[in-house]
Amino acid sequence: MDAYIDLLKILLPELLITHFNLTGHQTEGDILHLHFEEKPEVPKEFSSSLVTAHGFHKEITVQDFPVRGKKVFLHIKRRRWLNK
C-alpha cells in the first residue's frame, strides 16, 4: 500500500493524504474510485478538549481531474467527534 501512497502524493492534495487513509480502490471501465477514511487522530482544534471518535459522517463523493483518460471519484468518510 505504501507504493500507492507515494503515487497518490503526486496526484492528490497533500491535505487528503496526510489526514486520510486510503481504504480501497476500484476500477470500473473508464472510472477510478478511491476510498478514503479520516485517520483517528484528534484534530488540533480539539486538542485541548477531551474528545473521542464516534462513528462517521455520511460519505461524500468528489469528482477529481481525470487521470490517463479515466474519471476519478474520491469517496471520503470523515470521523464524527464526540466532545465529552
Protein backbone atom coordinates (compact mmCIF):
# COMPACT_ATOMS: atom_id res chain seq x y z
CA MET A 1 0.00 0.00 0.00
CA ASP A 2 2.99 2.36 0.50
CA ALA A 3 3.67 2.42 -3.23
CA TYR A 4 0.11 3.65 -3.77
CA ILE A 5 0.59 6.40 -1.17
CA ASP A 6 3.74 7.69 -2.88
CA LEU A 7 1.90 7.82 -6.19
CA LEU A 8 -1.16 9.50 -4.66
CA LYS A 9 1.04 12.18 -3.08
CA ILE A 10 1.89 13.28 -6.61
CA LEU A 11 -1.70 13.19 -7.91
CA LEU A 12 -3.82 14.37 -4.96
CA PRO A 13 -3.70 17.26 -2.49
CA GLU A 14 -1.30 16.75 0.42
CA LEU A 15 -4.08 17.51 2.92
CA LEU A 16 -6.03 14.47 1.74
CA ILE A 17 -3.03 12.15 2.02
CA THR A 18 -1.88 13.38 5.45
CA HIS A 19 -5.29 13.33 7.17
CA PHE A 20 -6.94 10.33 5.48
CA ASN A 21 -6.11 6.66 4.93
CA LEU A 22 -6.68 5.01 1.57
CA THR A 23 -9.02 2.13 2.40
CA GLY A 24 -9.69 0.83 -1.09
CA HIS A 25 -9.79 1.42 -4.81
CA GLN A 26 -11.84 0.10 -7.74
CA THR A 27 -11.69 0.45 -11.49
CA GLU A 28 -14.95 0.14 -13.41
CA GLY A 29 -14.36 0.62 -17.12
CA ASP A 30 -13.19 4.21 -17.51
CA ILE A 31 -13.89 5.19 -13.86
CA LEU A 32 -11.45 5.02 -10.94
CA HIS A 33 -12.91 5.06 -7.41
CA LEU A 34 -10.62 5.87 -4.46
CA HIS A 35 -12.00 5.37 -0.93
CA PHE A 36 -10.59 7.43 1.95
CA GLU A 37 -11.31 7.34 5.68
CA GLU A 38 -10.22 10.05 8.12
CA LYS A 39 -7.40 8.98 10.43
CA PRO A 40 -8.37 8.53 14.10
CA GLU A 41 -6.13 11.42 15.21
CA VAL A 42 -7.80 14.19 17.20
CA PRO A 43 -7.88 17.44 15.16
CA LYS A 44 -5.67 20.16 16.60
CA GLU A 45 -8.73 22.40 17.07
CA PHE A 46 -9.93 19.93 19.72
CA SER A 47 -6.57 19.02 21.23
CA SER A 48 -7.31 20.96 24.45
CA SER A 49 -10.67 19.18 24.92
CA LEU A 50 -11.42 15.57 25.76
CA VAL A 51 -12.89 14.12 22.55
CA THR A 52 -13.39 10.61 21.22
CA ALA A 53 -14.10 9.26 17.76
CA HIS A 54 -17.81 8.41 17.49
CA GLY A 55 -18.52 6.85 14.11
CA PHE A 56 -18.51 8.58 10.75
CA HIS A 57 -20.45 11.27 8.90
CA LYS A 58 -22.21 10.35 5.67
CA GLU A 59 -19.70 9.55 2.92
CA ILE A 60 -19.21 12.28 0.32
CA THR A 61 -18.13 11.74 -3.27
CA VAL A 62 -15.99 14.28 -5.10
CA GLN A 63 -15.13 14.09 -8.78
CA ASP A 64 -11.45 14.89 -9.34
CA PHE A 65 -9.48 15.61 -12.52
CA PRO A 66 -9.22 12.68 -14.93
CA VAL A 67 -6.08 10.53 -14.79
CA ARG A 68 -4.93 8.92 -18.05
CA GLY A 69 -8.39 9.18 -19.57
CA LYS A 70 -10.20 7.76 -16.53
CA LYS A 71 -12.73 9.70 -14.48
CA VAL A 72 -11.66 9.85 -10.82
CA PHE A 73 -14.12 9.80 -7.94
CA LEU A 74 -12.93 10.30 -4.35
CA HIS A 75 -15.16 8.72 -1.71
CA ILE A 76 -14.37 10.44 1.60
CA LYS A 77 -15.58 9.47 5.07
CA ARG A 78 -14.95 11.95 7.90
CA ARG A 79 -14.98 10.95 11.55
CA ARG A 80 -17.59 12.25 13.94
CA TRP A 81 -16.00 13.56 17.14
CA LEU A 82 -17.80 13.48 20.48
CA ASN A 83 -16.82 16.22 22.96
CA LYS A 84 -17.04 14.85 26.48
